[in-house]
Amino acid sequence: TCTEGVAISDLHVTFEELPALPRTTLTLKLWDFGGQTEYYTTHVAFLDTRCLYILVWDASGAQLDPEGTHGVSFWLHSIQTHAPHATVIIVGSKAEDGSMAHSLPRSISAYRAQFPHLRLVDGGLMDSRTGHRIPEVKALVRDTALKIDGIQQTAPHSWHRLAQRCAKEAEEMEMEGKAPLVRESEVREWALEAEVAED
C-alpha cells in the first residue's frame, strides 16, 4: 500500500541485557514517509543525524530505473545533504524468497564511496507479504539502532508529556475533520505547560 504523508508507529524491541537502561525494552518510533513525488519537499523537515534511516527499494524489478530520480542514490543524496553522518540501512523489498529478486543496483561499497559521510549498512532482501527475512531485518534494525549515539538516553518526562499532548490534540483535530496543523505559538504554550526546559 502507498503511504500518504507520514505513517508513525512503534517497534518495541526487547533485550536480555541493556546496561545503559534499567529496563529491557526499547521503543523505536518508525516514521514511514510517503514516497510520492509531492511529499519529497516535506521529508527534509524531519531528517536528523541522530535517526536511523531504513531505505527500502523495490527489488522485484518493477522499478525500471532504480538509480533514477526516485532511486537509491537520490535518497542517499537527500539524507547525506540534510543529515550528514547518519546511519542508513538499505533493504530490498518485494523479494519473495530472495531467489527471484534483483540485486542492489550497485554494490554497497560503491554507495559507500559515493556517500562517504553516511554510515551505510547492507540490509539484504526481504518481503513483507511472505515474511521472508522480516525477523532478520528487525534484528538488524534493533542492533544498528543501539549503536547510534544517544539512542539509549532517556527523554525527560516533560518531553513525554509534550508528546502525549501533541498526539491528543492531533487525534481531536482528526475526529473533528480538521488537518492536524497548529501554530508554533500553540506548541510553545503546550511545552510550557509540560514544563519543557527552554534550552
C-alpha atoms as a PDB file:
ATOM      1  CA  THR A   1       0.000   0.000   0.000  1.00  0.00           C
ATOM      2  CA  CYS A   2       1.069   3.617  -0.515  1.00  0.00           C
ATOM      3  CA  THR A   3       1.777   5.810   2.475  1.00  0.00           C
ATOM      4  CA  GLU A   4       0.040   9.184   2.408  1.00  0.00           C
ATOM      5  CA  GLY A   5       2.122  11.813   4.170  1.00  0.00           C
ATOM      6  CA  VAL A   6       3.790  10.148   7.174  1.00  0.00           C
ATOM      7  CA  ALA A   7       2.662   6.991   8.984  1.00  0.00           C
ATOM      8  CA  ILE A   8       4.029   6.804  12.541  1.00  0.00           C
ATOM      9  CA  SER A   9       4.155   3.566  14.516  1.00  0.00           C
ATOM     10  CA  ASP A  10       6.140   1.941  17.322  1.00  0.00           C
ATOM     11  CA  LEU A  11       8.521  -1.008  17.234  1.00  0.00           C
ATOM     12  CA  HIS A  12       9.157  -2.498  20.683  1.00  0.00           C
ATOM     13  CA  VAL A  13      12.424  -4.414  20.953  1.00  0.00           C
ATOM     14  CA  THR A  14      13.437  -6.444  23.978  1.00  0.00           C
ATOM     15  CA  PHE A  15      16.928  -7.211  25.200  1.00  0.00           C
ATOM     16  CA  GLU A  16      18.208  -9.715  27.706  1.00  0.00           C
ATOM     17  CA  GLU A  17      20.841  -7.211  28.797  1.00  0.00           C
ATOM     18  CA  LEU A  18      20.883  -3.475  28.153  1.00  0.00           C
ATOM     19  CA  PRO A  19      23.402  -1.986  30.611  1.00  0.00           C
ATOM     20  CA  ALA A  20      22.678   1.704  29.920  1.00  0.00           C
ATOM     21  CA  LEU A  21      18.979   1.395  30.719  1.00  0.00           C
ATOM     22  CA  PRO A  22      17.202  -0.014  33.783  1.00  0.00           C
ATOM     23  CA  ARG A  23      14.543  -1.630  31.610  1.00  0.00           C
ATOM     24  CA  THR A  24      14.905  -4.279  28.932  1.00  0.00           C
ATOM     25  CA  THR A  25      12.513  -2.882  26.319  1.00  0.00           C
ATOM     26  CA  LEU A  26      13.331  -0.099  23.897  1.00  0.00           C
ATOM     27  CA  THR A  27      10.626   1.622  21.833  1.00  0.00           C
ATOM     28  CA  LEU A  28      11.690   2.772  18.399  1.00  0.00           C
ATOM     29  CA  LYS A  29       9.477   5.332  16.647  1.00  0.00           C
ATOM     30  CA  LEU A  30       9.029   4.386  12.990  1.00  0.00           C
ATOM     31  CA  TRP A  31       8.262   7.209  10.547  1.00  0.00           C
ATOM     32  CA  ASP A  32       7.200   5.839   7.167  1.00  0.00           C
ATOM     33  CA  PHE A  33       7.414   8.701   4.668  1.00  0.00           C
ATOM     34  CA  GLY A  34       5.167   8.717   1.626  1.00  0.00           C
ATOM     35  CA  GLY A  35       7.266   8.078  -1.474  1.00  0.00           C
ATOM     36  CA  GLN A  36       5.088  10.044  -3.873  1.00  0.00           C
ATOM     37  CA  THR A  37       6.792  12.990  -5.560  1.00  0.00           C
ATOM     38  CA  GLU A  38       4.505  15.589  -3.955  1.00  0.00           C
ATOM     39  CA  TYR A  39       5.867  14.646  -0.494  1.00  0.00           C
ATOM     40  CA  TYR A  40       9.578  14.988  -1.320  1.00  0.00           C
ATOM     41  CA  THR A  41       9.902  18.590  -0.150  1.00  0.00           C
ATOM     42  CA  THR A  42       8.394  17.786   3.252  1.00  0.00           C
ATOM     43  CA  HIS A  43      10.821  14.949   4.033  1.00  0.00           C
ATOM     44  CA  VAL A  44      13.773  17.244   4.690  1.00  0.00           C
ATOM     45  CA  ALA A  45      11.976  18.864   7.631  1.00  0.00           C
ATOM     46  CA  PHE A  46      12.241  15.561   9.511  1.00  0.00           C
ATOM     47  CA  LEU A  47      15.782  14.458   8.622  1.00  0.00           C
ATOM     48  CA  ASP A  48      18.171  14.378  11.581  1.00  0.00           C
ATOM     49  CA  THR A  49      21.606  12.847  12.091  1.00  0.00           C
ATOM     50  CA  ARG A  50      20.531  11.076  15.293  1.00  0.00           C
ATOM     51  CA  CYS A  51      17.979   8.954  13.416  1.00  0.00           C
ATOM     52  CA  LEU A  52      18.343   5.537  11.848  1.00  0.00           C
ATOM     53  CA  TYR A  53      17.149   5.514   8.244  1.00  0.00           C
ATOM     54  CA  ILE A  54      15.825   2.421   6.512  1.00  0.00           C
ATOM     55  CA  LEU A  55      15.983   2.994   2.770  1.00  0.00           C
ATOM     56  CA  VAL A  56      13.673   0.474   1.126  1.00  0.00           C
ATOM     57  CA  TRP A  57      13.963  -0.116  -2.613  1.00  0.00           C
ATOM     58  CA  ASP A  58      11.858  -2.279  -4.928  1.00  0.00           C
ATOM     59  CA  ALA A  59      13.796  -5.500  -5.599  1.00  0.00           C
ATOM     60  CA  SER A  60      11.045  -7.053  -7.735  1.00  0.00           C
ATOM     61  CA  GLY A  61      12.332  -5.439 -10.916  1.00  0.00           C
ATOM     62  CA  ALA A  62       9.103  -3.468 -11.361  1.00  0.00           C
ATOM     63  CA  GLN A  63      11.020  -0.223 -10.929  1.00  0.00           C
ATOM     64  CA  LEU A  64      12.699   0.151 -14.301  1.00  0.00           C
ATOM     65  CA  ASP A  65      15.229   2.754 -13.217  1.00  0.00           C
ATOM     66  CA  PRO A  66      16.309   2.050  -9.621  1.00  0.00           C
ATOM     67  CA  GLU A  67      19.106   4.605  -9.956  1.00  0.00           C
ATOM     68  CA  GLY A  68      16.888   7.295 -11.478  1.00  0.00           C
ATOM     69  CA  THR A  69      15.096  10.246  -9.947  1.00  0.00           C
ATOM     70  CA  HIS A  70      13.379   8.097  -7.329  1.00  0.00           C
ATOM     71  CA  GLY A  71      16.208   5.605  -6.824  1.00  0.00           C
ATOM     72  CA  VAL A  72      18.647   4.622  -4.114  1.00  0.00           C
ATOM     73  CA  SER A  73      21.238   7.299  -4.939  1.00  0.00           C
ATOM     74  CA  PHE A  74      18.582  10.029  -4.972  1.00  0.00           C
ATOM     75  CA  TRP A  75      17.504   9.202  -1.414  1.00  0.00           C
ATOM     76  CA  LEU A  76      21.065   8.716  -0.137  1.00  0.00           C
ATOM     77  CA  HIS A  77      21.985  12.124  -1.559  1.00  0.00           C
ATOM     78  CA  SER A  78      18.990  13.684   0.204  1.00  0.00           C
ATOM     79  CA  ILE A  79      19.891  12.086   3.545  1.00  0.00           C
ATOM     80  CA  GLN A  80      23.584  12.991   3.240  1.00  0.00           C
ATOM     81  CA  THR A  81      22.684  16.604   2.408  1.00  0.00           C
ATOM     82  CA  HIS A  82      20.274  17.093   5.303  1.00  0.00           C
ATOM     83  CA  ALA A  83      21.588  14.621   7.899  1.00  0.00           C
ATOM     84  CA  PRO A  84      25.317  14.084   7.313  1.00  0.00           C
ATOM     85  CA  HIS A  85      26.879  11.233   9.320  1.00  0.00           C
ATOM     86  CA  ALA A  86      23.518   9.482   9.678  1.00  0.00           C
ATOM     87  CA  THR A  87      23.197   5.702   9.634  1.00  0.00           C
ATOM     88  CA  VAL A  88      21.228   4.161   6.740  1.00  0.00           C
ATOM     89  CA  ILE A  89      20.167   0.525   6.338  1.00  0.00           C
ATOM     90  CA  ILE A  90      19.494  -0.291   2.674  1.00  0.00           C
ATOM     91  CA  VAL A  91      16.902  -3.049   2.227  1.00  0.00           C
ATOM     92  CA  GLY A  92      15.390  -4.548  -0.924  1.00  0.00           C
ATOM     93  CA  SER A  93      11.650  -5.234  -0.630  1.00  0.00           C
ATOM     94  CA  LYS A  94       9.226  -7.437  -2.578  1.00  0.00           C
ATOM     95  CA  ALA A  95      11.917 -10.106  -2.727  1.00  0.00           C
ATOM     96  CA  GLU A  96       9.615 -13.113  -2.127  1.00  0.00           C
ATOM     97  CA  ASP A  97      12.079 -15.867  -1.134  1.00  0.00           C
ATOM     98  CA  GLY A  98      15.090 -13.969  -2.454  1.00  0.00           C
ATOM     99  CA  SER A  99      15.648 -16.263  -5.436  1.00  0.00           C
ATOM    100  CA  MET A 100      13.816 -14.087  -7.969  1.00  0.00           C
ATOM    101  CA  ALA A 101      14.896 -10.748  -6.535  1.00  0.00           C
ATOM    102  CA  HIS A 102      17.197  -8.351  -8.284  1.00  0.00           C
ATOM    103  CA  SER A 103      20.356  -7.312  -6.531  1.00  0.00           C
ATOM    104  CA  LEU A 104      21.079  -3.801  -5.307  1.00  0.00           C
ATOM    105  CA  PRO A 105      21.642  -1.525  -8.355  1.00  0.00           C
ATOM    106  CA  ARG A 106      25.253  -1.024  -7.245  1.00  0.00           C
ATOM    107  CA  SER A 107      27.393  -2.666  -4.612  1.00  0.00           C
ATOM    108  CA  ILE A 108      27.230  -1.377  -1.054  1.00  0.00           C
ATOM    109  CA  SER A 109      30.932  -0.461  -1.319  1.00  0.00           C
ATOM    110  CA  ALA A 110      30.178   1.708  -4.378  1.00  0.00           C
ATOM    111  CA  TYR A 111      27.492   3.544  -2.421  1.00  0.00           C
ATOM    112  CA  ARG A 112      29.890   3.969   0.499  1.00  0.00           C
ATOM    113  CA  ALA A 113      32.442   5.534  -1.851  1.00  0.00           C
ATOM    114  CA  GLN A 114      29.843   7.897  -3.325  1.00  0.00           C
ATOM    115  CA  PHE A 115      28.364   8.859   0.062  1.00  0.00           C
ATOM    116  CA  PRO A 116      31.361   8.892   2.440  1.00  0.00           C
ATOM    117  CA  HIS A 117      29.607  10.922   5.130  1.00  0.00           C
ATOM    118  CA  LEU A 118      26.905   8.284   5.708  1.00  0.00           C
ATOM    119  CA  ARG A 119      27.221   5.040   7.651  1.00  0.00           C
ATOM    120  CA  LEU A 120      25.679   2.538   5.221  1.00  0.00           C
ATOM    121  CA  VAL A 121      24.517  -0.924   6.294  1.00  0.00           C
ATOM    122  CA  ASP A 122      23.513  -3.639   3.812  1.00  0.00           C
ATOM    123  CA  GLY A 123      20.149  -4.978   4.984  1.00  0.00           C
ATOM    124  CA  GLY A 124      19.843  -7.538   2.185  1.00  0.00           C
ATOM    125  CA  LEU A 125      16.455  -8.554   0.794  1.00  0.00           C
ATOM    126  CA  MET A 126      13.053  -9.108   2.404  1.00  0.00           C
ATOM    127  CA  ASP A 127       9.392  -9.489   1.534  1.00  0.00           C
ATOM    128  CA  SER A 128       6.676  -8.200   3.873  1.00  0.00           C
ATOM    129  CA  ARG A 129       3.949 -10.150   2.069  1.00  0.00           C
ATOM    130  CA  THR A 130       5.595 -13.564   2.588  1.00  0.00           C
ATOM    131  CA  GLY A 131       7.552 -12.643   5.708  1.00  0.00           C
ATOM    132  CA  HIS A 132      10.860 -13.579   4.037  1.00  0.00           C
ATOM    133  CA  ARG A 133      13.715 -12.272   6.285  1.00  0.00           C
ATOM    134  CA  ILE A 134      11.467  -9.913   8.286  1.00  0.00           C
ATOM    135  CA  PRO A 135      12.815 -11.192  11.656  1.00  0.00           C
ATOM    136  CA  GLU A 136      16.411 -10.745  10.452  1.00  0.00           C
ATOM    137  CA  VAL A 137      15.762  -7.187   9.274  1.00  0.00           C
ATOM    138  CA  LYS A 138      14.049  -6.331  12.590  1.00  0.00           C
ATOM    139  CA  ALA A 139      17.075  -7.692  14.472  1.00  0.00           C
ATOM    140  CA  LEU A 140      19.397  -5.643  12.248  1.00  0.00           C
ATOM    141  CA  VAL A 141      17.344  -2.503  12.937  1.00  0.00           C
ATOM    142  CA  ARG A 142      17.490  -3.173  16.685  1.00  0.00           C
ATOM    143  CA  ASP A 143      21.237  -3.867  16.742  1.00  0.00           C
ATOM    144  CA  THR A 144      22.073  -0.919  14.474  1.00  0.00           C
ATOM    145  CA  ALA A 145      19.856   1.482  16.428  1.00  0.00           C
ATOM    146  CA  LEU A 146      21.670   0.645  19.660  1.00  0.00           C
ATOM    147  CA  LYS A 147      24.945   1.846  18.107  1.00  0.00           C
ATOM    148  CA  ILE A 148      23.634   5.356  17.368  1.00  0.00           C
ATOM    149  CA  ASP A 149      24.971   8.000  19.741  1.00  0.00           C
ATOM    150  CA  GLY A 150      22.373   8.946  22.345  1.00  0.00           C
ATOM    151  CA  ILE A 151      19.831   6.274  21.370  1.00  0.00           C
ATOM    152  CA  GLN A 152      19.846   4.795  24.877  1.00  0.00           C
ATOM    153  CA  GLN A 153      19.446   8.197  26.501  1.00  0.00           C
ATOM    154  CA  THR A 154      16.037   8.503  28.071  1.00  0.00           C
ATOM    155  CA  ALA A 155      13.964  11.562  27.232  1.00  0.00           C
ATOM    156  CA  PRO A 156      12.903  13.814  30.117  1.00  0.00           C
ATOM    157  CA  HIS A 157       9.376  13.250  31.458  1.00  0.00           C
ATOM    158  CA  SER A 158       8.458  16.752  30.295  1.00  0.00           C
ATOM    159  CA  TRP A 159       9.089  15.724  26.677  1.00  0.00           C
ATOM    160  CA  HIS A 160       6.852  12.690  27.116  1.00  0.00           C
ATOM    161  CA  ARG A 161       4.110  14.950  28.458  1.00  0.00           C
ATOM    162  CA  LEU A 162       4.505  17.261  25.462  1.00  0.00           C
ATOM    163  CA  ALA A 163       4.440  14.329  23.015  1.00  0.00           C
ATOM    164  CA  GLN A 164       1.257  12.988  24.642  1.00  0.00           C
ATOM    165  CA  ARG A 165      -0.355  16.432  24.414  1.00  0.00           C
ATOM    166  CA  CYS A 166       0.536  16.751  20.708  1.00  0.00           C
ATOM    167  CA  ALA A 167      -0.852  13.280  19.997  1.00  0.00           C
ATOM    168  CA  LYS A 168      -4.066  14.065  21.903  1.00  0.00           C
ATOM    169  CA  GLU A 169      -4.566  17.371  20.076  1.00  0.00           C
ATOM    170  CA  ALA A 170      -3.900  15.732  16.684  1.00  0.00           C
ATOM    171  CA  GLU A 171      -6.415  12.975  17.449  1.00  0.00           C
ATOM    172  CA  GLU A 172      -9.076  15.505  18.437  1.00  0.00           C
ATOM    173  CA  MET A 173      -8.481  17.544  15.267  1.00  0.00           C
ATOM    174  CA  GLU A 174      -8.786  14.457  13.098  1.00  0.00           C
ATOM    175  CA  MET A 175     -12.033  13.473  14.862  1.00  0.00           C
ATOM    176  CA  GLU A 176     -13.358  16.960  14.044  1.00  0.00           C
ATOM    177  CA  GLY A 177     -12.325  16.517  10.410  1.00  0.00           C
ATOM    178  CA  LYS A 178      -9.551  19.107  10.668  1.00  0.00           C
ATOM    179  CA  ALA A 179      -5.968  18.770   9.455  1.00  0.00           C
ATOM    180  CA  PRO A 180      -3.627  18.243  12.446  1.00  0.00           C
ATOM    181  CA  LEU A 181      -1.829  21.565  11.997  1.00  0.00           C
ATOM    182  CA  VAL A 182      -1.070  24.078  14.749  1.00  0.00           C
ATOM    183  CA  ARG A 183       0.797  27.339  15.110  1.00  0.00           C
ATOM    184  CA  GLU A 184       4.253  27.390  16.651  1.00  0.00           C
ATOM    185  CA  SER A 185       2.917  29.613  19.446  1.00  0.00           C
ATOM    186  CA  GLU A 186       0.457  26.871  20.464  1.00  0.00           C
ATOM    187  CA  VAL A 187       3.220  24.252  20.623  1.00  0.00           C
ATOM    188  CA  ARG A 188       5.339  26.639  22.728  1.00  0.00           C
ATOM    189  CA  GLU A 189       2.382  27.064  25.090  1.00  0.00           C
ATOM    190  CA  TRP A 190       1.950  23.296  25.393  1.00  0.00           C
ATOM    191  CA  ALA A 191       5.703  22.969  26.032  1.00  0.00           C
ATOM    192  CA  LEU A 192       5.493  25.481  28.891  1.00  0.00           C
ATOM    193  CA  GLU A 193       2.536  23.603  30.381  1.00  0.00           C
ATOM    194  CA  ALA A 194       4.533  20.361  30.122  1.00  0.00           C
ATOM    195  CA  GLU A 195       7.487  22.087  31.819  1.00  0.00           C
ATOM    196  CA  VAL A 196       9.875  21.520  28.915  1.00  0.00           C
ATOM    197  CA  ALA A 197      13.108  23.444  29.535  1.00  0.00           C
ATOM    198  CA  GLU A 198      13.658  26.312  27.090  1.00  0.00           C
ATOM    199  CA  ASP A 199      17.224  25.267  26.211  1.00  0.00           C
END
